C-alpha atoms as a PDB file:
ATOM      1  CA  UNK A   1       0.000   0.000   0.000  1.00  0.00           C
ATOM      2  CA  UNK A   2       2.877   2.377   0.766  1.00  0.00           C
ATOM      3  CA  UNK A   3       4.450   1.747  -2.637  1.00  0.00           C
ATOM      4  CA  UNK A   4       1.127   2.396  -4.377  1.00  0.00           C
ATOM      5  CA  UNK A   5       0.598   5.614  -2.417  1.00  0.00           C
ATOM      6  CA  UNK A   6       4.107   6.901  -3.148  1.00  0.00           C
ATOM      7  CA  UNK A   7       3.778   6.047  -6.844  1.00  0.00           C
ATOM      8  CA  UNK A   8       0.453   7.918  -6.981  1.00  0.00           C
ATOM      9  CA  UNK A   9       2.309  10.895  -5.496  1.00  0.00           C
ATOM     10  CA  UNK A  10       4.822  10.738  -8.356  1.00  0.00           C
ATOM     11  CA  UNK A  11       7.707   8.879  -6.691  1.00  0.00           C
ATOM     12  CA  UNK A  12       9.685   6.197  -8.500  1.00  0.00           C
ATOM     13  CA  UNK A  13       9.447   3.177  -6.186  1.00  0.00           C
ATOM     14  CA  UNK A  14      10.922  -0.314  -6.199  1.00  0.00           C
ATOM     15  CA  UNK A  15       8.968  -2.749  -4.028  1.00  0.00           C
ATOM     16  CA  UNK A  16      10.903  -5.831  -3.024  1.00  0.00           C
ATOM     17  CA  UNK A  17      11.102  -8.458  -0.294  1.00  0.00           C
ATOM     18  CA  UNK A  18      13.424 -10.634   1.729  1.00  0.00           C
ATOM     19  CA  UNK A  19      14.380 -13.250   1.462  1.00  0.00           C
ATOM     20  CA  UNK A  20      14.120 -12.769  -2.249  1.00  0.00           C
ATOM     21  CA  UNK A  21      13.975  -9.693  -4.423  1.00  0.00           C
ATOM     22  CA  UNK A  22      16.359 -10.954  -7.106  1.00  0.00           C
ATOM     23  CA  UNK A  23      16.406 -14.194  -9.109  1.00  0.00           C
ATOM     24  CA  UNK A  24      19.144 -15.837  -7.037  1.00  0.00           C
ATOM     25  CA  UNK A  25      17.668 -14.649  -3.754  1.00  0.00           C
ATOM     26  CA  UNK A  26      14.242 -15.981  -4.754  1.00  0.00           C
ATOM     27  CA  UNK A  27      15.788 -19.427  -5.236  1.00  0.00           C
ATOM     28  CA  UNK A  28      17.286 -19.224  -1.748  1.00  0.00           C
ATOM     29  CA  UNK A  29      13.888 -18.068  -0.434  1.00  0.00           C
ATOM     30  CA  UNK A  30      12.286 -21.375  -1.312  1.00  0.00           C
ATOM     31  CA  UNK A  31      15.108 -23.219   0.456  1.00  0.00           C
ATOM     32  CA  UNK A  32      14.696 -21.371   3.743  1.00  0.00           C
ATOM     33  CA  UNK A  33      10.947 -20.808   3.953  1.00  0.00           C
ATOM     34  CA  UNK A  34       9.651 -24.211   2.929  1.00  0.00           C
ATOM     35  CA  UNK A  35       9.999 -27.589   4.588  1.00  0.00           C
ATOM     36  CA  UNK A  36      10.326 -28.886   8.112  1.00  0.00           C
ATOM     37  CA  UNK A  37      11.262 -26.588  10.981  1.00  0.00           C
ATOM     38  CA  UNK A  38      14.465 -28.595  11.501  1.00  0.00           C
ATOM     39  CA  UNK A  39      15.457 -28.497   7.815  1.00  0.00           C
ATOM     40  CA  UNK A  40      18.469 -26.252   8.464  1.00  0.00           C
ATOM     41  CA  UNK A  41      20.615 -25.425  11.458  1.00  0.00           C
ATOM     42  CA  UNK A  42      20.568 -21.821  12.627  1.00  0.00           C
ATOM     43  CA  UNK A  43      24.136 -21.346  11.349  1.00  0.00           C
ATOM     44  CA  UNK A  44      23.229 -22.605   7.883  1.00  0.00           C
ATOM     45  CA  UNK A  45      20.158 -20.352   7.810  1.00  0.00           C
ATOM     46  CA  UNK A  46      22.315 -17.335   8.668  1.00  0.00           C
ATOM     47  CA  UNK A  47      24.605 -18.110   5.746  1.00  0.00           C
ATOM     48  CA  UNK A  48      21.686 -18.644   3.355  1.00  0.00           C
ATOM     49  CA  UNK A  49      19.930 -15.433   4.381  1.00  0.00           C
ATOM     50  CA  UNK A  50      23.188 -13.468   4.111  1.00  0.00           C
ATOM     51  CA  UNK A  51      23.827 -14.861   0.629  1.00  0.00           C
ATOM     52  CA  UNK A  52      20.288 -14.001  -0.452  1.00  0.00           C
ATOM     53  CA  UNK A  53      20.595 -10.476   0.977  1.00  0.00           C
ATOM     54  CA  UNK A  54      23.909  -9.843  -0.780  1.00  0.00           C
ATOM     55  CA  UNK A  55      22.458 -10.907  -4.147  1.00  0.00           C
ATOM     56  CA  UNK A  56      19.371  -8.791  -3.472  1.00  0.00           C
ATOM     57  CA  UNK A  57      21.543  -5.743  -2.764  1.00  0.00           C
ATOM     58  CA  UNK A  58      23.746  -6.225  -5.820  1.00  0.00           C
ATOM     59  CA  UNK A  59      20.986  -6.910  -8.317  1.00  0.00           C
ATOM     60  CA  UNK A  60      18.000  -4.937  -7.024  1.00  0.00           C
ATOM     61  CA  UNK A  61      18.554  -2.461  -4.198  1.00  0.00           C
ATOM     62  CA  UNK A  62      21.847  -0.782  -5.091  1.00  0.00           C
ATOM     63  CA  UNK A  63      20.968  -0.287  -8.788  1.00  0.00           C
ATOM     64  CA  UNK A  64      17.608   1.250  -7.796  1.00  0.00           C
ATOM     65  CA  UNK A  65      19.182   3.589  -5.241  1.00  0.00           C
ATOM     66  CA  UNK A  66      21.870   4.644  -7.738  1.00  0.00           C
ATOM     67  CA  UNK A  67      19.125   5.883 -10.067  1.00  0.00           C
ATOM     68  CA  UNK A  68      17.348   7.821  -7.297  1.00  0.00           C
ATOM     69  CA  UNK A  69      14.475   5.421  -6.670  1.00  0.00           C
ATOM     70  CA  UNK A  70      12.830   4.802  -3.325  1.00  0.00           C
ATOM     71  CA  UNK A  71      13.281   1.177  -2.277  1.00  0.00           C
ATOM     72  CA  UNK A  72      10.717  -0.469  -0.016  1.00  0.00           C
ATOM     73  CA  UNK A  73      11.726  -3.901   1.177  1.00  0.00           C
ATOM     74  CA  UNK A  74       9.445  -6.212   3.094  1.00  0.00           C
ATOM     75  CA  UNK A  75      12.058  -7.287   5.673  1.00  0.00           C
ATOM     76  CA  UNK A  76      15.833  -6.926   5.764  1.00  0.00           C
ATOM     77  CA  UNK A  77      18.684  -7.764   8.148  1.00  0.00           C
ATOM     78  CA  UNK A  78      16.700  -7.153  11.337  1.00  0.00           C
ATOM     79  CA  UNK A  79      14.641 -10.248  10.547  1.00  0.00           C
ATOM     80  CA  UNK A  80      17.822 -12.336  10.433  1.00  0.00           C
ATOM     81  CA  UNK A  81      19.006 -10.715  13.651  1.00  0.00           C
ATOM     82  CA  UNK A  82      15.816 -11.918  15.290  1.00  0.00           C
ATOM     83  CA  UNK A  83      14.887 -15.224  13.665  1.00  0.00           C
ATOM     84  CA  UNK A  84      18.353 -16.733  13.449  1.00  0.00           C
ATOM     85  CA  UNK A  85      20.274 -14.514  15.841  1.00  0.00           C
ATOM     86  CA  UNK A  86      17.858 -14.647  18.748  1.00  0.00           C
ATOM     87  CA  UNK A  87      15.331 -17.412  18.360  1.00  0.00           C
ATOM     88  CA  UNK A  88      17.558 -20.339  17.521  1.00  0.00           C
ATOM     89  CA  UNK A  89      20.392 -19.647  19.920  1.00  0.00           C
ATOM     90  CA  UNK A  90      22.428 -16.671  20.994  1.00  0.00           C
ATOM     91  CA  UNK A  91      23.756 -15.949  17.513  1.00  0.00           C
ATOM     92  CA  UNK A  92      23.141 -12.216  17.194  1.00  0.00           C
ATOM     93  CA  UNK A  93      26.871 -11.420  17.264  1.00  0.00           C
ATOM     94  CA  UNK A  94      27.451 -13.838  14.389  1.00  0.00           C
ATOM     95  CA  UNK A  95      24.601 -12.295  12.370  1.00  0.00           C
ATOM     96  CA  UNK A  96      26.031  -8.811  12.980  1.00  0.00           C
ATOM     97  CA  UNK A  97      29.547  -9.964  12.070  1.00  0.00           C
ATOM     98  CA  UNK A  98      28.402 -11.464   8.766  1.00  0.00           C
ATOM     99  CA  UNK A  99      26.245  -8.412   8.105  1.00  0.00           C
ATOM    100  CA  UNK A 100      29.212  -6.109   8.605  1.00  0.00           C
ATOM    101  CA  UNK A 101      31.412  -8.248   6.390  1.00  0.00           C
ATOM    102  CA  UNK A 102      28.992  -8.965   3.526  1.00  0.00           C
ATOM    103  CA  UNK A 103      26.274  -6.295   3.657  1.00  0.00           C
ATOM    104  CA  UNK A 104      27.707  -3.245   5.395  1.00  0.00           C
ATOM    105  CA  UNK A 105      24.628  -1.039   5.394  1.00  0.00           C
ATOM    106  CA  UNK A 106      21.302  -0.558   7.131  1.00  0.00           C
ATOM    107  CA  UNK A 107      18.035   0.824   5.815  1.00  0.00           C
ATOM    108  CA  UNK A 108      17.476   4.549   6.156  1.00  0.00           C
ATOM    109  CA  UNK A 109      14.196   3.781   7.903  1.00  0.00           C
ATOM    110  CA  UNK A 110      12.553   0.689   9.352  1.00  0.00           C
ATOM    111  CA  UNK A 111       8.857   0.424  10.117  1.00  0.00           C
ATOM    112  CA  UNK A 112       8.072  -2.073  12.845  1.00  0.00           C
ATOM    113  CA  UNK A 113       4.409  -3.046  12.695  1.00  0.00           C
ATOM    114  CA  UNK A 114       3.741  -4.169  16.251  1.00  0.00           C
ATOM    115  CA  UNK A 115       0.873  -6.467  17.163  1.00  0.00           C
ATOM    116  CA  UNK A 116      -0.177  -9.175  19.542  1.00  0.00           C
ATOM    117  CA  UNK A 117       1.876 -12.314  18.679  1.00  0.00           C
ATOM    118  CA  UNK A 118      -1.152 -14.618  18.616  1.00  0.00           C
ATOM    119  CA  UNK A 119      -2.962 -12.315  16.196  1.00  0.00           C
ATOM    120  CA  UNK A 120       0.107 -12.048  13.985  1.00  0.00           C
ATOM    121  CA  UNK A 121       0.556 -15.811  13.887  1.00  0.00           C
ATOM    122  CA  UNK A 122      -3.127 -16.335  13.115  1.00  0.00           C
ATOM    123  CA  UNK A 123      -2.928 -13.829  10.233  1.00  0.00           C
ATOM    124  CA  UNK A 124       0.228 -15.422   8.851  1.00  0.00           C
ATOM    125  CA  UNK A 125      -1.246 -18.923   8.972  1.00  0.00           C
ATOM    126  CA  UNK A 126      -4.470 -17.727   7.329  1.00  0.00           C
ATOM    127  CA  UNK A 127      -2.504 -16.966   4.155  1.00  0.00           C
ATOM    128  CA  UNK A 128      -2.095 -20.739   3.701  1.00  0.00           C
ATOM    129  CA  UNK A 129       1.092 -20.702   1.658  1.00  0.00           C
ATOM    130  CA  UNK A 130       3.925 -23.204   1.454  1.00  0.00           C
ATOM    131  CA  UNK A 131       6.180 -20.586   3.092  1.00  0.00           C
ATOM    132  CA  UNK A 132       5.126 -21.222   6.686  1.00  0.00           C
ATOM    133  CA  UNK A 133       8.257 -22.883   8.039  1.00  0.00           C
ATOM    134  CA  UNK A 134       8.884 -20.222  10.685  1.00  0.00           C
ATOM    135  CA  UNK A 135       5.220 -20.045  11.665  1.00  0.00           C
ATOM    136  CA  UNK A 136       5.605 -23.744  12.497  1.00  0.00           C
ATOM    137  CA  UNK A 137       7.754 -22.797  15.482  1.00  0.00           C
ATOM    138  CA  UNK A 138       4.570 -21.564  17.189  1.00  0.00           C
ATOM    139  CA  UNK A 139       3.354 -18.766  19.434  1.00  0.00           C
ATOM    140  CA  UNK A 140       6.285 -18.885  21.863  1.00  0.00           C
ATOM    141  CA  UNK A 141       8.650 -17.912  19.055  1.00  0.00           C
ATOM    142  CA  UNK A 142       6.301 -15.119  18.011  1.00  0.00           C
ATOM    143  CA  UNK A 143       6.351 -13.715  21.557  1.00  0.00           C
ATOM    144  CA  UNK A 144      10.162 -13.801  21.662  1.00  0.00           C
ATOM    145  CA  UNK A 145      10.323 -12.190  18.211  1.00  0.00           C
ATOM    146  CA  UNK A 146       8.034  -9.354  19.265  1.00  0.00           C
ATOM    147  CA  UNK A 147      10.165  -8.664  22.348  1.00  0.00           C
ATOM    148  CA  UNK A 148      13.309  -8.849  20.242  1.00  0.00           C
ATOM    149  CA  UNK A 149      12.018  -6.490  17.557  1.00  0.00           C
ATOM    150  CA  UNK A 150      10.871  -3.986  20.184  1.00  0.00           C
ATOM    151  CA  UNK A 151      14.362  -4.173  21.736  1.00  0.00           C
ATOM    152  CA  UNK A 152      15.880  -3.506  18.278  1.00  0.00           C
ATOM    153  CA  UNK A 153      13.643  -0.464  17.927  1.00  0.00           C
ATOM    154  CA  UNK A 154      15.022   0.786  21.246  1.00  0.00           C
ATOM    155  CA  UNK A 155      18.583  -0.013  20.134  1.00  0.00           C
ATOM    156  CA  UNK A 156      18.215   1.915  16.850  1.00  0.00           C
ATOM    157  CA  UNK A 157      15.690   4.674  17.652  1.00  0.00           C
ATOM    158  CA  UNK A 158      16.696   6.975  14.790  1.00  0.00           C
ATOM    159  CA  UNK A 159      16.042   4.239  12.228  1.00  0.00           C
ATOM    160  CA  UNK A 160      12.932   2.576  13.657  1.00  0.00           C
ATOM    161  CA  UNK A 161       9.370   3.848  13.698  1.00  0.00           C
ATOM    162  CA  UNK A 162       6.945   1.567  15.527  1.00  0.00           C
ATOM    163  CA  UNK A 163       3.377   1.484  14.234  1.00  0.00           C
ATOM    164  CA  UNK A 164       0.491  -0.348  15.861  1.00  0.00           C
ATOM    165  CA  UNK A 165      -0.696  -3.203  13.664  1.00  0.00           C
ATOM    166  CA  UNK A 166      -3.955  -3.681  15.569  1.00  0.00           C
ATOM    167  CA  UNK A 167      -6.012  -1.500  13.217  1.00  0.00           C
ATOM    168  CA  UNK A 168      -7.349  -2.337   9.776  1.00  0.00           C
ATOM    169  CA  UNK A 169      -4.629  -2.615   7.113  1.00  0.00           C
ATOM    170  CA  UNK A 170      -5.772   0.638   5.466  1.00  0.00           C
ATOM    171  CA  UNK A 171      -5.426   2.509   8.773  1.00  0.00           C
ATOM    172  CA  UNK A 172      -1.990   1.013   9.369  1.00  0.00           C
ATOM    173  CA  UNK A 173      -0.970   2.105   5.852  1.00  0.00           C
ATOM    174  CA  UNK A 174      -2.231   5.646   6.488  1.00  0.00           C
ATOM    175  CA  UNK A 175      -0.278   5.791   9.752  1.00  0.00           C
ATOM    176  CA  UNK A 176       2.882   4.588   8.026  1.00  0.00           C
ATOM    177  CA  UNK A 177       2.572   7.226   5.279  1.00  0.00           C
ATOM    178  CA  UNK A 178       2.032   9.940   7.884  1.00  0.00           C
ATOM    179  CA  UNK A 179       5.116   8.821   9.832  1.00  0.00           C
ATOM    180  CA  UNK A 180       7.166   8.751   6.629  1.00  0.00           C
ATOM    181  CA  UNK A 181       6.177  12.260   5.544  1.00  0.00           C
ATOM    182  CA  UNK A 182       8.787  14.225   7.549  1.00  0.00           C
ATOM    183  CA  UNK A 183      11.600  11.817   6.608  1.00  0.00           C
ATOM    184  CA  UNK A 184      10.710  11.870   2.926  1.00  0.00           C
ATOM    185  CA  UNK A 185      10.508  15.670   2.946  1.00  0.00           C
ATOM    186  CA  UNK A 186      14.062  15.831   4.319  1.00  0.00           C
ATOM    187  CA  UNK A 187      15.407  13.660   1.517  1.00  0.00           C
END
């Protein structure tokens, strides 16, 4: 919805996602999001997500930014910091080390859509896709992820804007656009 709104306002926008967003990264996406919860070790997942992110940067994000486009990515490194770095062991330092070595940059702005973990899990499962491997870890993981993402927002307050996800999607989208307005105006 944000991409559509910005395009209607005359902005050149690239909408992408992680894992994925480039041909090679999309292939890795199917490896990490499908299958049994124990398909990969946390260390292997970190490597796969980092490889996908690097390809995504090289083939999609950096070329778009170089031509002055706005890039909106559904997820980025913070998801790896949480899902692999926090939930499957104390691996955050390893995620950050690989990120520094292979990625080296953070988004200008991160929107954290905060909601009750049970509601979020229910919504995710209602999509009924084959990409539900992480949802298979259950509500306890969702609670830990929420706490972890809120802690990241506190750790990086100039980059994060937290938006309540309890409202209707259209209201959430309106709130995101309003929060983006001052940042977009400043370049």
